[in-house]
């Protein structure tokens, strides 16, 4: 896996969140955000 900057990672997560926001509930979105912050 290539190394991404924090900004690039944030953009990817934001894009994925937009795609799947209608399919994920708030708890799952919180878990995704928590995983991102732990990186």
PDB file of N, CA and C in Angstrom:
ATOM      1  N   UNK A   1       0.849  -1.201   0.000  1.00  0.00           N
ATOM      2  CA  UNK A   1       0.000   0.000   0.000  1.00  0.00           C
ATOM      3  C   UNK A   1       0.877   1.240   0.000  1.00  0.00           C
ATOM      4  N   UNK A   2       0.544   2.175  -0.836  1.00  0.00           N
ATOM      5  CA  UNK A   2       1.308   3.416  -0.877  1.00  0.00           C
ATOM      6  C   UNK A   2       0.977   4.274   0.335  1.00  0.00           C
ATOM      7  N   UNK A   3       1.932   5.079   0.741  1.00  0.00           N
ATOM      8  CA  UNK A   3       1.725   5.953   1.886  1.00  0.00           C
ATOM      9  C   UNK A   3       0.941   7.185   1.453  1.00  0.00           C
ATOM     10  N   UNK A   4      -0.127   7.463   2.176  1.00  0.00           N
ATOM     11  CA  UNK A   4      -0.960   8.624   1.879  1.00  0.00           C
ATOM     12  C   UNK A   4      -0.793   9.663   2.973  1.00  0.00           C
ATOM     13  N   UNK A   5      -0.917  10.911   2.587  1.00  0.00           N
ATOM     14  CA  UNK A   5      -0.899  11.973   3.583  1.00  0.00           C
ATOM     15  C   UNK A   5      -2.229  11.991   4.325  1.00  0.00           C
ATOM     16  N   UNK A   6      -2.247  12.633   5.474  1.00  0.00           N
ATOM     17  CA  UNK A   6      -3.482  12.720   6.254  1.00  0.00           C
ATOM     18  C   UNK A   6      -4.588  13.373   5.434  1.00  0.00           C
ATOM     19  N   UNK A   7      -4.226  14.378   4.630  1.00  0.00           N
ATOM     20  CA  UNK A   7      -5.237  15.066   3.820  1.00  0.00           C
ATOM     21  C   UNK A   7      -5.811  14.123   2.767  1.00  0.00           C
ATOM     22  N   UNK A   8      -4.950  13.323   2.132  1.00  0.00           N
ATOM     23  CA  UNK A   8      -5.431  12.380   1.130  1.00  0.00           C
ATOM     24  C   UNK A   8      -6.354  11.344   1.755  1.00  0.00           C
ATOM     25  N   UNK A   9      -5.962  10.847   2.942  1.00  0.00           N
ATOM     26  CA  UNK A   9      -6.790   9.872   3.639  1.00  0.00           C
ATOM     27  C   UNK A   9      -8.142  10.476   3.975  1.00  0.00           C
ATOM     28  N   UNK A  10      -8.135  11.716   4.453  1.00  0.00           N
ATOM     29  CA  UNK A  10      -9.384  12.389   4.797  1.00  0.00           C
ATOM     30  C   UNK A  10     -10.275  12.521   3.568  1.00  0.00           C
ATOM     31  N   UNK A  11      -9.693  12.831   2.432  1.00  0.00           N
ATOM     32  CA  UNK A  11     -10.467  12.960   1.194  1.00  0.00           C
ATOM     33  C   UNK A  11     -11.084  11.627   0.800  1.00  0.00           C
ATOM     34  N   UNK A  12     -10.321  10.552   0.929  1.00  0.00           N
ATOM     35  CA  UNK A  12     -10.832   9.228   0.595  1.00  0.00           C
ATOM     36  C   UNK A  12     -11.990   8.858   1.511  1.00  0.00           C
ATOM     37  N   UNK A  13     -11.810   9.085   2.810  1.00  0.00           N
ATOM     38  CA  UNK A  13     -12.888   8.771   3.748  1.00  0.00           C
ATOM     39  C   UNK A  13     -14.123   9.610   3.468  1.00  0.00           C
ATOM     40  N   UNK A  14     -13.936  10.882   3.151  1.00  0.00           N
ATOM     41  CA  UNK A  14     -15.070  11.752   2.858  1.00  0.00           C
ATOM     42  C   UNK A  14     -15.812  11.259   1.614  1.00  0.00           C
ATOM     43  N   UNK A  15     -15.046  10.834   0.592  1.00  0.00           N
ATOM     44  CA  UNK A  15     -15.651  10.322  -0.630  1.00  0.00           C
ATOM     45  C   UNK A  15     -16.444   9.049  -0.353  1.00  0.00           C
ATOM     46  N   UNK A  16     -15.836   8.141   0.404  1.00  0.00           N
ATOM     47  CA  UNK A  16     -16.527   6.908   0.751  1.00  0.00           C
ATOM     48  C   UNK A  16     -17.768   7.192   1.591  1.00  0.00           C
ATOM     49  N   UNK A  17     -17.658   8.142   2.507  1.00  0.00           N
ATOM     50  CA  UNK A  17     -18.799   8.488   3.353  1.00  0.00           C
ATOM     51  C   UNK A  17     -19.963   8.995   2.511  1.00  0.00           C
ATOM     52  N   UNK A  18     -19.656   9.787   1.490  1.00  0.00           N
ATOM     53  CA  UNK A  18     -20.706  10.284   0.603  1.00  0.00           C
ATOM     54  C   UNK A  18     -21.352   9.133  -0.160  1.00  0.00           C
ATOM     55  N   UNK A  19     -20.535   8.173  -0.611  1.00  0.00           N
ATOM     56  CA  UNK A  19     -21.073   7.052  -1.370  1.00  0.00           C
ATOM     57  C   UNK A  19     -21.987   6.182  -0.525  1.00  0.00           C
ATOM     58  N   UNK A  20     -21.563   5.934   0.716  1.00  0.00           N
ATOM     59  CA  UNK A  20     -22.231   4.924   1.529  1.00  0.00           C
ATOM     60  C   UNK A  20     -23.066   5.496   2.662  1.00  0.00           C
ATOM     61  N   UNK A  21     -23.189   6.815   2.734  1.00  0.00           N
ATOM     62  CA  UNK A  21     -23.896   7.431   3.857  1.00  0.00           C
ATOM     63  C   UNK A  21     -25.333   6.928   3.969  1.00  0.00           C
ATOM     64  N   UNK A  22     -25.934   6.595   2.841  1.00  0.00           N
ATOM     65  CA  UNK A  22     -27.317   6.124   2.873  1.00  0.00           C
ATOM     66  C   UNK A  22     -27.404   4.664   3.297  1.00  0.00           C
ATOM     67  N   UNK A  23     -26.266   3.955   3.287  1.00  0.00           N
ATOM     68  CA  UNK A  23     -26.263   2.529   3.599  1.00  0.00           C
ATOM     69  C   UNK A  23     -25.713   2.236   4.988  1.00  0.00           C
ATOM     70  N   UNK A  24     -25.042   3.206   5.589  1.00  0.00           N
ATOM     71  CA  UNK A  24     -24.449   3.014   6.904  1.00  0.00           C
ATOM     72  C   UNK A  24     -25.224   3.792   7.945  1.00  0.00           C
ATOM     73  N   UNK A  25     -25.337   3.211   9.139  1.00  0.00           N
ATOM     74  CA  UNK A  25     -25.981   3.957  10.209  1.00  0.00           C
ATOM     75  C   UNK A  25     -24.939   4.784  10.965  1.00  0.00           C
ATOM     76  N   UNK A  26     -25.408   5.590  11.894  1.00  0.00           N
ATOM     77  CA  UNK A  26     -24.512   6.511  12.599  1.00  0.00           C
ATOM     78  C   UNK A  26     -23.413   5.774  13.348  1.00  0.00           C
ATOM     79  N   UNK A  27     -23.725   4.623  13.926  1.00  0.00           N
ATOM     80  CA  UNK A  27     -22.722   3.882  14.688  1.00  0.00           C
ATOM     81  C   UNK A  27     -21.583   3.442  13.781  1.00  0.00           C
ATOM     82  N   UNK A  28     -21.907   2.932  12.605  1.00  0.00           N
ATOM     83  CA  UNK A  28     -20.876   2.494  11.677  1.00  0.00           C
ATOM     84  C   UNK A  28     -20.036   3.669  11.202  1.00  0.00           C
ATOM     85  N   UNK A  29     -20.667   4.804  10.929  1.00  0.00           N
ATOM     86  CA  UNK A  29     -19.923   5.989  10.511  1.00  0.00           C
ATOM     87  C   UNK A  29     -18.980   6.454  11.605  1.00  0.00           C
ATOM     88  N   UNK A  30     -19.424   6.365  12.858  1.00  0.00           N
ATOM     89  CA  UNK A  30     -18.573   6.742  13.983  1.00  0.00           C
ATOM     90  C   UNK A  30     -17.371   5.814  14.069  1.00  0.00           C
ATOM     91  N   UNK A  31     -17.583   4.526  13.847  1.00  0.00           N
ATOM     92  CA  UNK A  31     -16.483   3.566  13.886  1.00  0.00           C
ATOM     93  C   UNK A  31     -15.475   3.872  12.782  1.00  0.00           C
ATOM     94  N   UNK A  32     -15.953   4.220  11.603  1.00  0.00           N
ATOM     95  CA  UNK A  32     -15.061   4.575  10.501  1.00  0.00           C
ATOM     96  C   UNK A  32     -14.241   5.805  10.864  1.00  0.00           C
ATOM     97  N   UNK A  33     -14.904   6.813  11.409  1.00  0.00           N
ATOM     98  CA  UNK A  33     -14.205   8.034  11.796  1.00  0.00           C
ATOM     99  C   UNK A  33     -13.175   7.744  12.884  1.00  0.00           C
ATOM    100  N   UNK A  34     -13.528   6.894  13.840  1.00  0.00           N
ATOM    101  CA  UNK A  34     -12.604   6.544  14.915  1.00  0.00           C
ATOM    102  C   UNK A  34     -11.393   5.808  14.362  1.00  0.00           C
ATOM    103  N   UNK A  35     -11.613   4.926  13.406  1.00  0.00           N
ATOM    104  CA  UNK A  35     -10.506   4.195  12.796  1.00  0.00           C
ATOM    105  C   UNK A  35      -9.571   5.153  12.078  1.00  0.00           C
ATOM    106  N   UNK A  36     -10.142   6.155  11.405  1.00  0.00           N
ATOM    107  CA  UNK A  36      -9.330   7.146  10.707  1.00  0.00           C
ATOM    108  C   UNK A  36      -8.480   7.933  11.700  1.00  0.00           C
ATOM    109  N   UNK A  37      -9.073   8.361  12.806  1.00  0.00           N
ATOM    110  CA  UNK A  37      -8.355   9.177  13.774  1.00  0.00           C
ATOM    111  C   UNK A  37      -7.251   8.384  14.465  1.00  0.00           C
ATOM    112  N   UNK A  38      -7.402   7.060  14.541  1.00  0.00           N
ATOM    113  CA  UNK A  38      -6.408   6.217  15.208  1.00  0.00           C
ATOM    114  C   UNK A  38      -5.166   6.018  14.352  1.00  0.00           C
ATOM    115  N   UNK A  39      -5.269   6.284  13.052  1.00  0.00           N
ATOM    116  CA  UNK A  39      -4.131   6.073  12.148  1.00  0.00           C
ATOM    117  C   UNK A  39      -2.976   6.987  12.488  1.00  0.00           C
TER     118      UNK A  39
END
